[in-house]
């Protein structure tokens, strides 16, 4: 998880069974407050510029009705030491902000991180 800038001491793992009996490891990182904001800003800086622009312009497509941001990263790109969005063989990231701005202003909150 070094490419994502996450400390191995702040996560928990769970072993799950996939549809075909394969083992899936679910890793949950729990960051709160300023640490979470700092991580998100650093994470966004590591993404390729074209992907940042695409995410910025399409932020509504990645936010659910509760204000959670969903990103899908290519697992293969992480093994090659860079961050890239993907649709196959992915690592899913869910970010749930605690903000007093209200759901309607969540896209603005995320855009300010850029």
PDB file of N, CA and C in Angstrom:
ATOM      1  N   UNK A   1       0.810  -1.193   0.000  1.00  0.00           N
ATOM      2  CA  UNK A   1       0.000   0.000   0.000  1.00  0.00           C
ATOM      3  C   UNK A   1       0.855   1.260   0.000  1.00  0.00           C
ATOM      4  N   UNK A   2       2.127   1.058  -0.204  1.00  0.00           N
ATOM      5  CA  UNK A   2       3.058   2.177  -0.217  1.00  0.00           C
ATOM      6  C   UNK A   2       2.724   3.184  -1.319  1.00  0.00           C
ATOM      7  N   UNK A   3       2.302   2.710  -2.499  1.00  0.00           N
ATOM      8  CA  UNK A   3       1.971   3.613  -3.596  1.00  0.00           C
ATOM      9  C   UNK A   3       0.795   4.523  -3.233  1.00  0.00           C
ATOM     10  N   UNK A   4      -0.085   4.030  -2.375  1.00  0.00           N
ATOM     11  CA  UNK A   4      -1.235   4.829  -1.969  1.00  0.00           C
ATOM     12  C   UNK A   4      -0.923   5.756  -0.802  1.00  0.00           C
ATOM     13  N   UNK A   5       0.277   5.650  -0.252  1.00  0.00           N
ATOM     14  CA  UNK A   5       0.668   6.519   0.851  1.00  0.00           C
ATOM     15  C   UNK A   5      -0.018   6.186   2.160  1.00  0.00           C
ATOM     16  N   UNK A   6      -0.331   4.901   2.358  1.00  0.00           N
ATOM     17  CA  UNK A   6      -1.023   4.476   3.577  1.00  0.00           C
ATOM     18  C   UNK A   6      -0.081   3.690   4.481  1.00  0.00           C
ATOM     19  N   UNK A   7      -0.138   3.990   5.735  1.00  0.00           N
ATOM     20  CA  UNK A   7       0.680   3.320   6.736  1.00  0.00           C
ATOM     21  C   UNK A   7       0.082   1.951   7.056  1.00  0.00           C
ATOM     22  N   UNK A   8       0.893   0.928   7.041  1.00  0.00           N
ATOM     23  CA  UNK A   8       0.393  -0.429   7.276  1.00  0.00           C
ATOM     24  C   UNK A   8      -0.158  -0.626   8.684  1.00  0.00           C
ATOM     25  N   UNK A   9       0.058   0.322   9.570  1.00  0.00           N
ATOM     26  CA  UNK A   9      -0.413   0.191  10.945  1.00  0.00           C
ATOM     27  C   UNK A   9      -1.854   0.684  11.139  1.00  0.00           C
ATOM     28  N   UNK A  10      -2.457   1.260  10.110  1.00  0.00           N
ATOM     29  CA  UNK A  10      -3.806   1.807  10.270  1.00  0.00           C
ATOM     30  C   UNK A  10      -4.849   1.016   9.474  1.00  0.00           C
ATOM     31  N   UNK A  11      -4.596  -0.274   9.262  1.00  0.00           N
ATOM     32  CA  UNK A  11      -5.567  -1.048   8.498  1.00  0.00           C
ATOM     33  C   UNK A  11      -5.912  -2.361   9.169  1.00  0.00           C
ATOM     34  N   UNK A  12      -7.041  -2.910   8.744  1.00  0.00           N
ATOM     35  CA  UNK A  12      -7.448  -4.235   9.189  1.00  0.00           C
ATOM     36  C   UNK A  12      -7.744  -5.068   7.946  1.00  0.00           C
ATOM     37  N   UNK A  13      -7.580  -6.378   8.056  1.00  0.00           N
ATOM     38  CA  UNK A  13      -7.836  -7.255   6.916  1.00  0.00           C
ATOM     39  C   UNK A  13      -8.885  -8.302   7.284  1.00  0.00           C
ATOM     40  N   UNK A  14      -9.620  -8.699   6.269  1.00  0.00           N
ATOM     41  CA  UNK A  14     -10.619  -9.747   6.405  1.00  0.00           C
ATOM     42  C   UNK A  14     -10.490 -10.655   5.188  1.00  0.00           C
ATOM     43  N   UNK A  15     -10.515 -11.955   5.411  1.00  0.00           N
ATOM     44  CA  UNK A  15     -10.487 -12.908   4.306  1.00  0.00           C
ATOM     45  C   UNK A  15     -11.923 -13.243   3.926  1.00  0.00           C
ATOM     46  N   UNK A  16     -12.231 -13.135   2.644  1.00  0.00           N
ATOM     47  CA  UNK A  16     -13.554 -13.438   2.121  1.00  0.00           C
ATOM     48  C   UNK A  16     -13.430 -14.502   1.040  1.00  0.00           C
ATOM     49  N   UNK A  17     -14.538 -15.138   0.711  1.00  0.00           N
ATOM     50  CA  UNK A  17     -14.530 -16.129  -0.360  1.00  0.00           C
ATOM     51  C   UNK A  17     -15.272 -15.563  -1.560  1.00  0.00           C
ATOM     52  N   UNK A  18     -14.623 -15.614  -2.729  1.00  0.00           N
ATOM     53  CA  UNK A  18     -15.227 -15.127  -3.956  1.00  0.00           C
ATOM     54  C   UNK A  18     -16.250 -16.105  -4.508  1.00  0.00           C
ATOM     55  N   UNK A  19     -16.902 -15.722  -5.573  1.00  0.00           N
ATOM     56  CA  UNK A  19     -17.956 -16.517  -6.208  1.00  0.00           C
ATOM     57  C   UNK A  19     -17.465 -17.905  -6.627  1.00  0.00           C
ATOM     58  N   UNK A  20     -16.231 -18.004  -7.052  1.00  0.00           N
ATOM     59  CA  UNK A  20     -15.677 -19.275  -7.513  1.00  0.00           C
ATOM     60  C   UNK A  20     -14.801 -19.952  -6.455  1.00  0.00           C
ATOM     61  N   UNK A  21     -14.961 -19.545  -5.201  1.00  0.00           N
ATOM     62  CA  UNK A  21     -14.206 -20.149  -4.118  1.00  0.00           C
ATOM     63  C   UNK A  21     -12.825 -19.556  -3.914  1.00  0.00           C
ATOM     64  N   UNK A  22     -12.480 -18.547  -4.684  1.00  0.00           N
ATOM     65  CA  UNK A  22     -11.171 -17.910  -4.537  1.00  0.00           C
ATOM     66  C   UNK A  22     -11.158 -17.028  -3.289  1.00  0.00           C
ATOM     67  N   UNK A  23      -9.977 -16.844  -2.729  1.00  0.00           N
ATOM     68  CA  UNK A  23      -9.815 -16.018  -1.536  1.00  0.00           C
ATOM     69  C   UNK A  23      -9.665 -14.554  -1.953  1.00  0.00           C
ATOM     70  N   UNK A  24     -10.429 -13.720  -1.301  1.00  0.00           N
ATOM     71  CA  UNK A  24     -10.357 -12.277  -1.519  1.00  0.00           C
ATOM     72  C   UNK A  24      -9.952 -11.659  -0.193  1.00  0.00           C
ATOM     73  N   UNK A  25      -8.944 -10.812  -0.226  1.00  0.00           N
ATOM     74  CA  UNK A  25      -8.517 -10.116   0.980  1.00  0.00           C
ATOM     75  C   UNK A  25      -9.085  -8.708   0.949  1.00  0.00           C
ATOM     76  N   UNK A  26      -9.884  -8.400   1.930  1.00  0.00           N
ATOM     77  CA  UNK A  26     -10.454  -7.065   2.053  1.00  0.00           C
ATOM     78  C   UNK A  26      -9.600  -6.307   3.054  1.00  0.00           C
ATOM     79  N   UNK A  27      -9.069  -5.187   2.614  1.00  0.00           N
ATOM     80  CA  UNK A  27      -8.226  -4.350   3.466  1.00  0.00           C
ATOM     81  C   UNK A  27      -8.968  -3.044   3.697  1.00  0.00           C
ATOM     82  N   UNK A  28      -9.127  -2.689   4.943  1.00  0.00           N
ATOM     83  CA  UNK A  28      -9.833  -1.462   5.277  1.00  0.00           C
ATOM     84  C   UNK A  28      -8.873  -0.527   6.013  1.00  0.00           C
ATOM     85  N   UNK A  29      -8.697   0.650   5.447  1.00  0.00           N
ATOM     86  CA  UNK A  29      -7.939   1.713   6.094  1.00  0.00           C
ATOM     87  C   UNK A  29      -8.946   2.691   6.651  1.00  0.00           C
ATOM     88  N   UNK A  30      -8.750   3.084   7.871  1.00  0.00           N
ATOM     89  CA  UNK A  30      -9.666   4.023   8.503  1.00  0.00           C
ATOM     90  C   UNK A  30      -8.877   5.257   8.904  1.00  0.00           C
ATOM     91  N   UNK A  31      -9.097   6.327   8.164  1.00  0.00           N
ATOM     92  CA  UNK A  31      -8.452   7.594   8.465  1.00  0.00           C
ATOM     93  C   UNK A  31      -9.542   8.609   8.786  1.00  0.00           C
ATOM     94  N   UNK A  32      -9.279   9.470   9.732  1.00  0.00           N
ATOM     95  CA  UNK A  32     -10.268  10.476  10.104  1.00  0.00           C
ATOM     96  C   UNK A  32      -9.623  11.852  10.187  1.00  0.00           C
ATOM     97  N   UNK A  33     -10.468  12.848  10.176  1.00  0.00           N
ATOM     98  CA  UNK A  33     -10.039  14.220  10.409  1.00  0.00           C
ATOM     99  C   UNK A  33      -8.990  14.716   9.443  1.00  0.00           C
ATOM    100  N   UNK A  34      -8.050  15.448   9.973  1.00  0.00           N
ATOM    101  CA  UNK A  34      -7.013  16.076   9.152  1.00  0.00           C
ATOM    102  C   UNK A  34      -6.138  15.043   8.447  1.00  0.00           C
ATOM    103  N   UNK A  35      -5.891  13.885   9.094  1.00  0.00           N
ATOM    104  CA  UNK A  35      -5.105  12.832   8.450  1.00  0.00           C
ATOM    105  C   UNK A  35      -5.770  12.374   7.157  1.00  0.00           C
ATOM    106  N   UNK A  36      -7.090  12.258   7.187  1.00  0.00           N
ATOM    107  CA  UNK A  36      -7.831  11.840   5.999  1.00  0.00           C
ATOM    108  C   UNK A  36      -7.721  12.895   4.900  1.00  0.00           C
ATOM    109  N   UNK A  37      -7.864  14.152   5.248  1.00  0.00           N
ATOM    110  CA  UNK A  37      -7.747  15.225   4.255  1.00  0.00           C
ATOM    111  C   UNK A  37      -6.355  15.282   3.649  1.00  0.00           C
ATOM    112  N   UNK A  38      -5.347  15.163   4.479  1.00  0.00           N
ATOM    113  CA  UNK A  38      -3.964  15.189   3.995  1.00  0.00           C
ATOM    114  C   UNK A  38      -3.717  14.014   3.060  1.00  0.00           C
ATOM    115  N   UNK A  39      -4.226  12.823   3.442  1.00  0.00           N
ATOM    116  CA  UNK A  39      -4.052  11.652   2.583  1.00  0.00           C
ATOM    117  C   UNK A  39      -4.732  11.869   1.235  1.00  0.00           C
ATOM    118  N   UNK A  40      -5.955  12.379   1.229  1.00  0.00           N
ATOM    119  CA  UNK A  40      -6.693  12.555  -0.020  1.00  0.00           C
ATOM    120  C   UNK A  40      -5.984  13.540  -0.943  1.00  0.00           C
ATOM    121  N   UNK A  41      -5.501  14.627  -0.403  1.00  0.00           N
ATOM    122  CA  UNK A  41      -4.774  15.609  -1.223  1.00  0.00           C
ATOM    123  C   UNK A  41      -3.517  14.975  -1.809  1.00  0.00           C
ATOM    124  N   UNK A  42      -2.761  14.239  -0.990  1.00  0.00           N
ATOM    125  CA  UNK A  42      -1.556  13.563  -1.473  1.00  0.00           C
ATOM    126  C   UNK A  42      -1.871  12.503  -2.514  1.00  0.00           C
ATOM    127  N   UNK A  43      -2.942  11.757  -2.299  1.00  0.00           N
ATOM    128  CA  UNK A  43      -3.370  10.734  -3.243  1.00  0.00           C
ATOM    129  C   UNK A  43      -3.713  11.351  -4.596  1.00  0.00           C
ATOM    130  N   UNK A  44      -4.475  12.438  -4.576  1.00  0.00           N
ATOM    131  CA  UNK A  44      -4.868  13.083  -5.831  1.00  0.00           C
ATOM    132  C   UNK A  44      -3.662  13.614  -6.599  1.00  0.00           C
ATOM    133  N   UNK A  45      -2.618  14.026  -5.888  1.00  0.00           N
ATOM    134  CA  UNK A  45      -1.402  14.511  -6.557  1.00  0.00           C
ATOM    135  C   UNK A  45      -0.648  13.387  -7.250  1.00  0.00           C
ATOM    136  N   UNK A  46      -0.832  12.144  -6.793  1.00  0.00           N
ATOM    137  CA  UNK A  46      -0.128  11.007  -7.382  1.00  0.00           C
ATOM    138  C   UNK A  46      -0.800  10.479  -8.644  1.00  0.00           C
ATOM    139  N   UNK A  47      -2.035  10.877  -8.864  1.00  0.00           N
ATOM    140  CA  UNK A  47      -2.768  10.410 -10.047  1.00  0.00           C
ATOM    141  C   UNK A  47      -2.288  11.186 -11.267  1.00  0.00           C
ATOM    142  N   UNK A  48      -2.243  10.499 -12.406  1.00  0.00           N
ATOM    143  CA  UNK A  48      -1.847  11.169 -13.642  1.00  0.00           C
ATOM    144  C   UNK A  48      -2.733  12.390 -13.878  1.00  0.00           C
ATOM    145  N   UNK A  49      -2.156  13.428 -14.463  1.00  0.00           N
ATOM    146  CA  UNK A  49      -2.870  14.686 -14.661  1.00  0.00           C
ATOM    147  C   UNK A  49      -4.161  14.488 -15.456  1.00  0.00           C
ATOM    148  N   UNK A  50      -4.126  13.702 -16.502  1.00  0.00           N
ATOM    149  CA  UNK A  50      -5.314  13.484 -17.323  1.00  0.00           C
ATOM    150  C   UNK A  50      -6.421  12.807 -16.507  1.00  0.00           C
ATOM    151  N   UNK A  51      -6.048  11.895 -15.618  1.00  0.00           N
ATOM    152  CA  UNK A  51      -7.035  11.238 -14.764  1.00  0.00           C
ATOM    153  C   UNK A  51      -7.613  12.202 -13.722  1.00  0.00           C
ATOM    154  N   UNK A  52      -6.766  13.099 -13.230  1.00  0.00           N
ATOM    155  CA  UNK A  52      -7.256  14.117 -12.277  1.00  0.00           C
ATOM    156  C   UNK A  52      -8.274  15.027 -12.945  1.00  0.00           C
ATOM    157  N   UNK A  53      -7.963  15.440 -14.168  1.00  0.00           N
ATOM    158  CA  UNK A  53      -8.868  16.320 -14.907  1.00  0.00           C
ATOM    159  C   UNK A  53     -10.191  15.608 -15.175  1.00  0.00           C
ATOM    160  N   UNK A  54     -10.111  14.348 -15.596  1.00  0.00           N
ATOM    161  CA  UNK A  54     -11.320  13.567 -15.862  1.00  0.00           C
ATOM    162  C   UNK A  54     -12.146  13.412 -14.598  1.00  0.00           C
ATOM    163  N   UNK A  55     -11.495  13.086 -13.483  1.00  0.00           N
ATOM    164  CA  UNK A  55     -12.196  12.947 -12.212  1.00  0.00           C
ATOM    165  C   UNK A  55     -12.828  14.268 -11.803  1.00  0.00           C
ATOM    166  N   UNK A  56     -12.087  15.342 -11.918  1.00  0.00           N
ATOM    167  CA  UNK A  56     -12.592  16.671 -11.561  1.00  0.00           C
ATOM    168  C   UNK A  56     -13.846  17.006 -12.370  1.00  0.00           C
ATOM    169  N   UNK A  57     -13.794  16.761 -13.671  1.00  0.00           N
ATOM    170  CA  UNK A  57     -14.908  17.102 -14.548  1.00  0.00           C
ATOM    171  C   UNK A  57     -16.103  16.174 -14.392  1.00  0.00           C
ATOM    172  N   UNK A  58     -15.881  14.969 -13.886  1.00  0.00           N
ATOM    173  CA  UNK A  58     -16.952  13.978 -13.758  1.00  0.00           C
ATOM    174  C   UNK A  58     -17.169  13.549 -12.311  1.00  0.00           C
ATOM    175  N   UNK A  59     -16.889  14.420 -11.382  1.00  0.00           N
ATOM    176  CA  UNK A  59     -16.940  14.065  -9.967  1.00  0.00           C
ATOM    177  C   UNK A  59     -18.325  13.558  -9.560  1.00  0.00           C
ATOM    178  N   UNK A  60     -19.385  14.084 -10.156  1.00  0.00           N
ATOM    179  CA  UNK A  60     -20.744  13.647  -9.819  1.00  0.00           C
ATOM    180  C   UNK A  60     -20.954  12.161 -10.117  1.00  0.00           C
ATOM    181  N   UNK A  61     -20.250  11.626 -11.110  1.00  0.00           N
ATOM    182  CA  UNK A  61     -20.389  10.213 -11.471  1.00  0.00           C
ATOM    183  C   UNK A  61     -19.790   9.286 -10.423  1.00  0.00           C
ATOM    184  N   UNK A  62     -18.987   9.830  -9.517  1.00  0.00           N
ATOM    185  CA  UNK A  62     -18.279   9.017  -8.526  1.00  0.00           C
ATOM    186  C   UNK A  62     -18.812   9.211  -7.106  1.00  0.00           C
ATOM    187  N   UNK A  63     -19.854  10.015  -6.956  1.00  0.00           N
ATOM    188  CA  UNK A  63     -20.399  10.319  -5.635  1.00  0.00           C
ATOM    189  C   UNK A  63     -21.807   9.742  -5.533  1.00  0.00           C
ATOM    190  N   UNK A  64     -22.078   9.044  -4.422  1.00  0.00           N
ATOM    191  CA  UNK A  64     -23.433   8.510  -4.232  1.00  0.00           C
ATOM    192  C   UNK A  64     -24.310   9.532  -3.504  1.00  0.00           C
ATOM    193  N   UNK A  65     -25.546   9.144  -3.229  1.00  0.00           N
ATOM    194  CA  UNK A  65     -26.514  10.048  -2.612  1.00  0.00           C
ATOM    195  C   UNK A  65     -26.158  10.428  -1.179  1.00  0.00           C
ATOM    196  N   UNK A  66     -25.196   9.736  -0.571  1.00  0.00           N
ATOM    197  CA  UNK A  66     -24.771  10.043   0.802  1.00  0.00           C
ATOM    198  C   UNK A  66     -23.471  10.840   0.840  1.00  0.00           C
ATOM    199  N   UNK A  67     -22.944  11.179  -0.330  1.00  0.00           N
ATOM    200  CA  UNK A  67     -21.719  11.969  -0.408  1.00  0.00           C
ATOM    201  C   UNK A  67     -20.445  11.154  -0.407  1.00  0.00           C
ATOM    202  N   UNK A  68     -20.538   9.829  -0.503  1.00  0.00           N
ATOM    203  CA  UNK A  68     -19.342   8.975  -0.539  1.00  0.00           C
ATOM    204  C   UNK A  68     -18.753   8.999  -1.941  1.00  0.00           C
ATOM    205  N   UNK A  69     -17.434   9.106  -1.992  1.00  0.00           N
ATOM    206  CA  UNK A  69     -16.702   9.105  -3.253  1.00  0.00           C
ATOM    207  C   UNK A  69     -16.184   7.703  -3.518  1.00  0.00           C
ATOM    208  N   UNK A  70     -16.458   7.177  -4.696  1.00  0.00           N
ATOM    209  CA  UNK A  70     -16.013   5.837  -5.079  1.00  0.00           C
ATOM    210  C   UNK A  70     -15.017   5.938  -6.216  1.00  0.00           C
ATOM    211  N   UNK A  71     -13.870   5.302  -6.033  1.00  0.00           N
ATOM    212  CA  UNK A  71     -12.839   5.262  -7.064  1.00  0.00           C
ATOM    213  C   UNK A  71     -12.442   3.814  -7.313  1.00  0.00           C
ATOM    214  N   UNK A  72     -12.107   3.502  -8.534  1.00  0.00           N
ATOM    215  CA  UNK A  72     -11.633   2.164  -8.901  1.00  0.00           C
ATOM    216  C   UNK A  72     -10.240   2.309  -9.496  1.00  0.00           C
ATOM    217  N   UNK A  73      -9.269   1.700  -8.827  1.00  0.00           N
ATOM    218  CA  UNK A  73      -7.882   1.779  -9.270  1.00  0.00           C
ATOM    219  C   UNK A  73      -7.454   0.452  -9.864  1.00  0.00           C
ATOM    220  N   UNK A  74      -6.632   0.538 -10.886  1.00  0.00           N
ATOM    221  CA  UNK A  74      -6.079  -0.660 -11.494  1.00  0.00           C
ATOM    222  C   UNK A  74      -5.074  -1.289 -10.538  1.00  0.00           C
ATOM    223  N   UNK A  75      -5.325  -2.531 -10.171  1.00  0.00           N
ATOM    224  CA  UNK A  75      -4.400  -3.248  -9.292  1.00  0.00           C
ATOM    225  C   UNK A  75      -3.043  -3.431  -9.979  1.00  0.00           C
ATOM    226  N   UNK A  76      -3.087  -3.702 -11.274  1.00  0.00           N
ATOM    227  CA  UNK A  76      -1.847  -3.920 -12.018  1.00  0.00           C
ATOM    228  C   UNK A  76      -0.963  -2.675 -12.026  1.00  0.00           C
ATOM    229  N   UNK A  77      -1.580  -1.497 -12.148  1.00  0.00           N
ATOM    230  CA  UNK A  77      -0.777  -0.270 -12.153  1.00  0.00           C
ATOM    231  C   UNK A  77      -0.082  -0.067 -10.807  1.00  0.00           C
ATOM    232  N   UNK A  78      -0.752  -0.431  -9.723  1.00  0.00           N
ATOM    233  CA  UNK A  78      -0.129  -0.284  -8.408  1.00  0.00           C
ATOM    234  C   UNK A  78       1.094  -1.180  -8.267  1.00  0.00           C
ATOM    235  N   UNK A  79       1.034  -2.370  -8.836  1.00  0.00           N
ATOM    236  CA  UNK A  79       2.197  -3.254  -8.798  1.00  0.00           C
ATOM    237  C   UNK A  79       3.344  -2.702  -9.645  1.00  0.00           C
ATOM    238  N   UNK A  80       3.000  -1.875 -10.637  1.00  0.00           N
ATOM    239  CA  UNK A  80       4.021  -1.246 -11.476  1.00  0.00           C
ATOM    240  C   UNK A  80       4.428   0.120 -10.917  1.00  0.00           C
ATOM    241  N   UNK A  81       3.966   0.420  -9.699  1.00  0.00           N
ATOM    242  CA  UNK A  81       4.373   1.605  -8.933  1.00  0.00           C
ATOM    243  C   UNK A  81       3.786   2.931  -9.432  1.00  0.00           C
ATOM    244  N   UNK A  82       2.592   2.893 -10.046  1.00  0.00           N
ATOM    245  CA  UNK A  82       1.903   4.136 -10.352  1.00  0.00           C
ATOM    246  C   UNK A  82       0.414   3.930 -10.144  1.00  0.00           C
ATOM    247  N   UNK A  83      -0.328   5.021 -10.127  1.00  0.00           N
ATOM    248  CA  UNK A  83      -1.762   4.958  -9.851  1.00  0.00           C
ATOM    249  C   UNK A  83      -2.517   5.296 -11.125  1.00  0.00           C
ATOM    250  N   UNK A  84      -3.466   4.427 -11.460  1.00  0.00           N
ATOM    251  CA  UNK A  84      -4.271   4.611 -12.663  1.00  0.00           C
ATOM    252  C   UNK A  84      -5.680   4.080 -12.379  1.00  0.00           C
ATOM    253  N   UNK A  85      -6.679   4.747 -12.911  1.00  0.00           N
ATOM    254  CA  UNK A  85      -8.045   4.249 -12.768  1.00  0.00           C
ATOM    255  C   UNK A  85      -8.224   3.025 -13.646  1.00  0.00           C
ATOM    256  N   UNK A  86      -9.142   2.153 -13.258  1.00  0.00           N
ATOM    257  CA  UNK A  86      -9.375   0.948 -14.035  1.00  0.00           C
ATOM    258  C   UNK A  86     -10.774   0.412 -13.835  1.00  0.00           C
ATOM    259  N   UNK A  87     -11.119  -0.584 -14.659  1.00  0.00           N
ATOM    260  CA  UNK A  87     -12.427  -1.237 -14.573  1.00  0.00           C
ATOM    261  C   UNK A  87     -12.308  -2.732 -14.360  1.00  0.00           C
ATOM    262  N   UNK A  88     -11.147  -3.313 -14.642  1.00  0.00           N
ATOM    263  CA  UNK A  88     -10.921  -4.743 -14.460  1.00  0.00           C
ATOM    264  C   UNK A  88      -9.802  -4.944 -13.453  1.00  0.00           C
ATOM    265  N   UNK A  89      -9.916  -5.978 -12.635  1.00  0.00           N
ATOM    266  CA  UNK A  89      -8.899  -6.288 -11.633  1.00  0.00           C
ATOM    267  C   UNK A  89      -8.555  -5.028 -10.835  1.00  0.00           C
ATOM    268  N   UNK A  90      -9.525  -4.567 -10.089  1.00  0.00           N
ATOM    269  CA  UNK A  90      -9.419  -3.251  -9.446  1.00  0.00           C
ATOM    270  C   UNK A  90      -9.276  -3.330  -7.935  1.00  0.00           C
ATOM    271  N   UNK A  91      -8.869  -2.208  -7.401  1.00  0.00           N
ATOM    272  CA  UNK A  91      -8.924  -1.941  -5.969  1.00  0.00           C
ATOM    273  C   UNK A  91      -9.937  -0.819  -5.824  1.00  0.00           C
ATOM    274  N   UNK A  92     -10.951  -1.071  -5.033  1.00  0.00           N
ATOM    275  CA  UNK A  92     -12.007  -0.083  -4.850  1.00  0.00           C
ATOM    276  C   UNK A  92     -11.708   0.757  -3.618  1.00  0.00           C
ATOM    277  N   UNK A  93     -11.843   2.054  -3.781  1.00  0.00           N
ATOM    278  CA  UNK A  93     -11.635   2.984  -2.673  1.00  0.00           C
ATOM    279  C   UNK A  93     -12.943   3.725  -2.439  1.00  0.00           C
ATOM    280  N   UNK A  94     -13.366   3.770  -1.182  1.00  0.00           N
ATOM    281  CA  UNK A  94     -14.558   4.517  -0.796  1.00  0.00           C
ATOM    282  C   UNK A  94     -14.131   5.560   0.225  1.00  0.00           C
ATOM    283  N   UNK A  95     -14.477   6.786  -0.053  1.00  0.00           N
ATOM    284  CA  UNK A  95     -14.123   7.884   0.835  1.00  0.00           C
ATOM    285  C   UNK A  95     -15.425   8.524   1.316  1.00  0.00           C
ATOM    286  N   UNK A  96     -15.548   8.613   2.620  1.00  0.00           N
ATOM    287  CA  UNK A  96     -16.758   9.184   3.212  1.00  0.00           C
ATOM    288  C   UNK A  96     -16.359  10.405   4.034  1.00  0.00           C
ATOM    289  N   UNK A  97     -16.620  11.582   3.500  1.00  0.00           N
ATOM    290  CA  UNK A  97     -16.206  12.790   4.228  1.00  0.00           C
ATOM    291  C   UNK A  97     -17.162  13.124   5.359  1.00  0.00           C
ATOM    292  N   UNK A  98     -16.619  13.707   6.381  1.00  0.00           N
ATOM    293  CA  UNK A  98     -17.447  14.289   7.438  1.00  0.00           C
ATOM    294  C   UNK A  98     -17.322  15.789   7.252  1.00  0.00           C
ATOM    295  N   UNK A  99     -18.361  16.347   6.718  1.00  0.00           N
ATOM    296  CA  UNK A  99     -18.343  17.776   6.458  1.00  0.00           C
ATOM    297  C   UNK A  99     -19.672  18.381   6.874  1.00  0.00           C
ATOM    298  N   UNK A 100     -19.631  19.598   7.274  1.00  0.00           N
ATOM    299  CA  UNK A 100     -20.845  20.293   7.692  1.00  0.00           C
ATOM    300  C   UNK A 100     -21.446  21.082   6.538  1.00  0.00           C
ATOM    301  N   UNK A 101     -20.885  20.907   5.336  1.00  0.00           N
ATOM    302  CA  UNK A 101     -21.348  21.668   4.180  1.00  0.00           C
ATOM    303  C   UNK A 101     -22.674  21.160   3.632  1.00  0.00           C
ATOM    304  N   UNK A 102     -23.041  19.927   3.919  1.00  0.00           N
ATOM    305  CA  UNK A 102     -24.270  19.359   3.385  1.00  0.00           C
ATOM    306  C   UNK A 102     -24.011  18.584   2.109  1.00  0.00           C
ATOM    307  N   UNK A 103     -24.876  17.646   1.815  1.00  0.00           N
ATOM    308  CA  UNK A 103     -24.714  16.750   0.668  1.00  0.00           C
ATOM    309  C   UNK A 103     -24.601  17.520  -0.647  1.00  0.00           C
ATOM    310  N   UNK A 104     -25.366  18.567  -0.819  1.00  0.00           N
ATOM    311  CA  UNK A 104     -25.366  19.308  -2.085  1.00  0.00           C
ATOM    312  C   UNK A 104     -24.003  19.921  -2.394  1.00  0.00           C
ATOM    313  N   UNK A 105     -23.221  20.200  -1.372  1.00  0.00           N
ATOM    314  CA  UNK A 105     -21.912  20.835  -1.585  1.00  0.00           C
ATOM    315  C   UNK A 105     -20.744  19.854  -1.568  1.00  0.00           C
ATOM    316  N   UNK A 106     -21.026  18.559  -1.473  1.00  0.00           N
ATOM    317  CA  UNK A 106     -19.955  17.555  -1.445  1.00  0.00           C
ATOM    318  C   UNK A 106     -19.079  17.620  -2.698  1.00  0.00           C
ATOM    319  N   UNK A 107     -19.638  17.719  -3.918  1.00  0.00           N
ATOM    320  CA  UNK A 107     -18.752  17.824  -5.094  1.00  0.00           C
ATOM    321  C   UNK A 107     -17.770  18.994  -4.991  1.00  0.00           C
ATOM    322  N   UNK A 108     -18.244  20.121  -4.476  1.00  0.00           N
ATOM    323  CA  UNK A 108     -17.363  21.280  -4.277  1.00  0.00           C
ATOM    324  C   UNK A 108     -16.255  20.943  -3.277  1.00  0.00           C
ATOM    325  N   UNK A 109     -16.612  20.236  -2.218  1.00  0.00           N
ATOM    326  CA  UNK A 109     -15.638  19.824  -1.199  1.00  0.00           C
ATOM    327  C   UNK A 109     -14.511  19.014  -1.842  1.00  0.00           C
ATOM    328  N   UNK A 110     -14.895  18.022  -2.688  1.00  0.00           N
ATOM    329  CA  UNK A 110     -13.882  17.196  -3.339  1.00  0.00           C
ATOM    330  C   UNK A 110     -13.063  18.006  -4.347  1.00  0.00           C
ATOM    331  N   UNK A 111     -13.715  18.866  -5.093  1.00  0.00           N
ATOM    332  CA  UNK A 111     -12.976  19.668  -6.084  1.00  0.00           C
ATOM    333  C   UNK A 111     -11.945  20.558  -5.416  1.00  0.00           C
ATOM    334  N   UNK A 112     -12.237  21.034  -4.211  1.00  0.00           N
ATOM    335  CA  UNK A 112     -11.281  21.868  -3.483  1.00  0.00           C
ATOM    336  C   UNK A 112     -10.023  21.093  -3.121  1.00  0.00           C
ATOM    337  N   UNK A 113     -10.128  19.768  -3.060  1.00  0.00           N
ATOM    338  CA  UNK A 113      -8.961  18.940  -2.766  1.00  0.00           C
ATOM    339  C   UNK A 113      -7.955  18.940  -3.911  1.00  0.00           C
ATOM    340  N   UNK A 114      -8.437  19.208  -5.121  1.00  0.00           N
ATOM    341  CA  UNK A 114      -7.554  19.206  -6.284  1.00  0.00           C
ATOM    342  C   UNK A 114      -6.635  20.399  -6.213  1.00  0.00           C
TER     343      UNK A 114
END
